[in-house]
Amino acid sequence: MRSALNRAVRGVRWYVRELTDESAYDRYAAYLRENRPGAEVPSRREFERMRTDRQEADPRQGFRCC
């Protein structure tokens, strides 16, 4: 029973992280470590700033209200 509950909680946590794209930094850091071993891995704050700047520079994103 407890293992089934733990699996369910892990599944919900995974789903929420994917839905909110919170796991994007983890995927990016893993990608850099695997494919570019000499590259410096940015902090989460630096990553979020790069991602926001890239999204705002893309004209396909449209108007951003907030």
N, C-alpha and C. Protein backbone atom coordinates (compact mmCIF):
# COMPACT_ATOMS: atom_id res chain seq x y z
N MET A 1 0.83 -1.20 0.00
CA MET A 1 0.00 0.00 0.00
C MET A 1 0.87 1.26 0.00
N ARG A 2 1.87 1.26 0.86
CA ARG A 2 2.73 2.43 0.95
C ARG A 2 3.50 2.66 -0.34
N SER A 3 3.99 1.60 -0.97
CA SER A 3 4.74 1.76 -2.22
C SER A 3 3.84 2.29 -3.34
N ALA A 4 2.59 1.86 -3.35
CA ALA A 4 1.65 2.36 -4.36
C ALA A 4 1.39 3.85 -4.14
N LEU A 5 1.28 4.26 -2.89
CA LEU A 5 1.08 5.68 -2.59
C LEU A 5 2.31 6.49 -2.98
N ASN A 6 3.49 5.96 -2.68
CA ASN A 6 4.74 6.64 -3.07
C ASN A 6 4.84 6.79 -4.58
N ARG A 7 4.49 5.75 -5.31
CA ARG A 7 4.51 5.81 -6.78
C ARG A 7 3.54 6.87 -7.29
N ALA A 8 2.37 6.92 -6.68
CA ALA A 8 1.37 7.90 -7.10
C ALA A 8 1.86 9.32 -6.83
N VAL A 9 2.46 9.54 -5.68
CA VAL A 9 2.96 10.88 -5.34
C VAL A 9 4.09 11.27 -6.29
N ARG A 10 5.00 10.34 -6.58
CA ARG A 10 6.08 10.62 -7.54
C ARG A 10 5.52 10.93 -8.92
N GLY A 11 4.49 10.20 -9.32
CA GLY A 11 3.87 10.44 -10.63
C GLY A 11 3.22 11.81 -10.71
N VAL A 12 2.52 12.20 -9.66
CA VAL A 12 1.89 13.53 -9.64
C VAL A 12 2.96 14.61 -9.65
N ARG A 13 4.01 14.42 -8.85
CA ARG A 13 5.10 15.41 -8.82
C ARG A 13 5.74 15.55 -10.19
N TRP A 14 6.02 14.43 -10.86
CA TRP A 14 6.61 14.46 -12.20
C TRP A 14 5.68 15.22 -13.16
N TYR A 15 4.39 14.90 -13.09
CA TYR A 15 3.42 15.52 -14.00
C TYR A 15 3.38 17.04 -13.80
N VAL A 16 3.32 17.48 -12.56
CA VAL A 16 3.25 18.92 -12.27
C VAL A 16 4.53 19.61 -12.73
N ARG A 17 5.70 19.00 -12.50
CA ARG A 17 6.96 19.60 -12.94
C ARG A 17 7.01 19.71 -14.46
N GLU A 18 6.52 18.71 -15.16
CA GLU A 18 6.50 18.77 -16.62
C GLU A 18 5.48 19.79 -17.12
N LEU A 19 4.33 19.83 -16.48
CA LEU A 19 3.26 20.75 -16.88
C LEU A 19 3.70 22.21 -16.71
N THR A 20 4.39 22.51 -15.62
CA THR A 20 4.83 23.88 -15.35
C THR A 20 6.19 24.18 -15.96
N ASP A 21 6.81 23.19 -16.57
CA ASP A 21 8.12 23.30 -17.21
C ASP A 21 9.23 23.61 -16.20
N GLU A 22 9.02 23.23 -14.96
CA GLU A 22 10.03 23.40 -13.93
C GLU A 22 11.23 22.49 -14.19
N SER A 23 11.01 21.39 -14.88
CA SER A 23 12.09 20.45 -15.14
C SER A 23 12.97 20.87 -16.32
N ALA A 24 12.66 21.98 -16.96
CA ALA A 24 13.45 22.43 -18.12
C ALA A 24 14.91 22.65 -17.76
N TYR A 25 15.16 23.24 -16.60
CA TYR A 25 16.55 23.49 -16.18
C TYR A 25 17.29 22.17 -15.98
N ASP A 26 16.65 21.21 -15.35
CA ASP A 26 17.28 19.91 -15.12
C ASP A 26 17.65 19.24 -16.45
N ARG A 27 16.74 19.31 -17.42
CA ARG A 27 17.02 18.72 -18.73
C ARG A 27 18.16 19.45 -19.42
N TYR A 28 18.18 20.78 -19.33
CA TYR A 28 19.23 21.57 -19.98
C TYR A 28 20.59 21.29 -19.34
N ALA A 29 20.64 21.24 -18.01
CA ALA A 29 21.90 20.96 -17.32
C ALA A 29 22.41 19.56 -17.67
N ALA A 30 21.52 18.59 -17.73
CA ALA A 30 21.92 17.23 -18.10
C ALA A 30 22.44 17.19 -19.53
N TYR A 31 21.77 17.93 -20.42
CA TYR A 31 22.21 17.99 -21.81
C TYR A 31 23.62 18.57 -21.91
N LEU A 32 23.87 19.68 -21.21
CA LEU A 32 25.20 20.30 -21.25
C LEU A 32 26.27 19.36 -20.73
N ARG A 33 25.99 18.71 -19.61
CA ARG A 33 26.98 17.80 -19.01
C ARG A 33 27.28 16.62 -19.92
N GLU A 34 26.27 16.15 -20.64
CA GLU A 34 26.46 14.98 -21.49
C GLU A 34 27.10 15.32 -22.84
N ASN A 35 26.64 16.40 -23.47
CA ASN A 35 27.07 16.71 -24.83
C ASN A 35 28.16 17.76 -24.93
N ARG A 36 28.34 18.55 -23.90
CA ARG A 36 29.37 19.59 -23.90
C ARG A 36 30.08 19.59 -22.55
N PRO A 37 30.93 18.61 -22.33
CA PRO A 37 31.54 18.43 -21.01
C PRO A 37 32.33 19.65 -20.52
N GLY A 38 32.91 20.44 -21.41
CA GLY A 38 33.69 21.59 -20.99
C GLY A 38 32.87 22.84 -20.73
N ALA A 39 31.62 22.81 -21.10
CA ALA A 39 30.78 24.01 -20.98
C ALA A 39 30.38 24.24 -19.53
N GLU A 40 30.28 25.51 -19.16
CA GLU A 40 29.86 25.88 -17.81
C GLU A 40 28.35 25.78 -17.73
N VAL A 41 27.86 25.14 -16.70
CA VAL A 41 26.42 25.01 -16.50
C VAL A 41 25.94 26.25 -15.76
N PRO A 42 25.00 27.00 -16.35
CA PRO A 42 24.52 28.22 -15.69
C PRO A 42 23.69 27.88 -14.45
N SER A 43 23.58 28.84 -13.56
CA SER A 43 22.72 28.65 -12.40
C SER A 43 21.27 28.65 -12.88
N ARG A 44 20.37 28.22 -12.02
CA ARG A 44 18.95 28.22 -12.40
C ARG A 44 18.48 29.64 -12.73
N ARG A 45 18.94 30.61 -11.97
CA ARG A 45 18.55 32.00 -12.20
C ARG A 45 19.04 32.47 -13.58
N GLU A 46 20.30 32.16 -13.92
CA GLU A 46 20.84 32.54 -15.22
C GLU A 46 20.07 31.84 -16.35
N PHE A 47 19.74 30.58 -16.14
CA PHE A 47 18.98 29.83 -17.13
C PHE A 47 17.62 30.46 -17.37
N GLU A 48 16.92 30.79 -16.30
CA GLU A 48 15.59 31.40 -16.43
C GLU A 48 15.68 32.75 -17.14
N ARG A 49 16.72 33.52 -16.85
CA ARG A 49 16.91 34.82 -17.51
C ARG A 49 17.15 34.61 -19.00
N MET A 50 18.02 33.65 -19.37
CA MET A 50 18.28 33.36 -20.79
C MET A 50 17.00 32.92 -21.49
N ARG A 51 16.22 32.07 -20.83
CA ARG A 51 14.99 31.56 -21.43
C ARG A 51 13.97 32.67 -21.62
N THR A 52 13.83 33.54 -20.63
CA THR A 52 12.89 34.65 -20.72
C THR A 52 13.31 35.62 -21.83
N ASP A 53 14.59 35.94 -21.88
CA ASP A 53 15.09 36.85 -22.93
C ASP A 53 14.84 36.26 -24.32
N ARG A 54 15.08 34.97 -24.48
CA ARG A 54 14.87 34.31 -25.77
C ARG A 54 13.39 34.33 -26.15
N GLN A 55 12.51 34.09 -25.19
CA GLN A 55 11.07 34.10 -25.48
C GLN A 55 10.58 35.49 -25.84
N GLU A 56 11.08 36.50 -25.14
CA GLU A 56 10.64 37.86 -25.43
C GLU A 56 11.17 38.38 -26.76
N ALA A 57 12.31 37.86 -27.20
CA ALA A 57 12.89 38.30 -28.48
C ALA A 57 12.21 37.61 -29.66
N ASP A 58 11.47 36.55 -29.42
CA ASP A 58 10.84 35.80 -30.50
C ASP A 58 9.53 36.47 -30.89
N PRO A 59 9.42 36.96 -32.13
CA PRO A 59 8.17 37.65 -32.54
C PRO A 59 6.97 36.74 -32.60
N ARG A 60 7.17 35.43 -32.66
CA ARG A 60 6.05 34.51 -32.71
C ARG A 60 5.36 34.36 -31.36
N GLN A 61 6.00 34.83 -30.30
CA GLN A 61 5.41 34.69 -28.96
C GLN A 61 4.22 35.63 -28.77
N GLY A 62 4.17 36.70 -29.53
CA GLY A 62 3.05 37.62 -29.42
C GLY A 62 3.18 38.57 -28.25
N PHE A 63 2.11 39.21 -27.93
CA PHE A 63 2.09 40.22 -26.88
C PHE A 63 2.18 39.54 -25.51
N ARG A 64 3.02 40.08 -24.67
CA ARG A 64 3.16 39.54 -23.32
C ARG A 64 2.61 40.56 -22.34
N CYS A 65 1.57 40.23 -21.66
CA CYS A 65 0.88 41.20 -20.80
C CYS A 65 1.54 41.36 -19.44
N CYS A 66 2.26 40.38 -18.96
CA CYS A 66 2.75 40.44 -17.57
C CYS A 66 4.25 40.36 -17.49
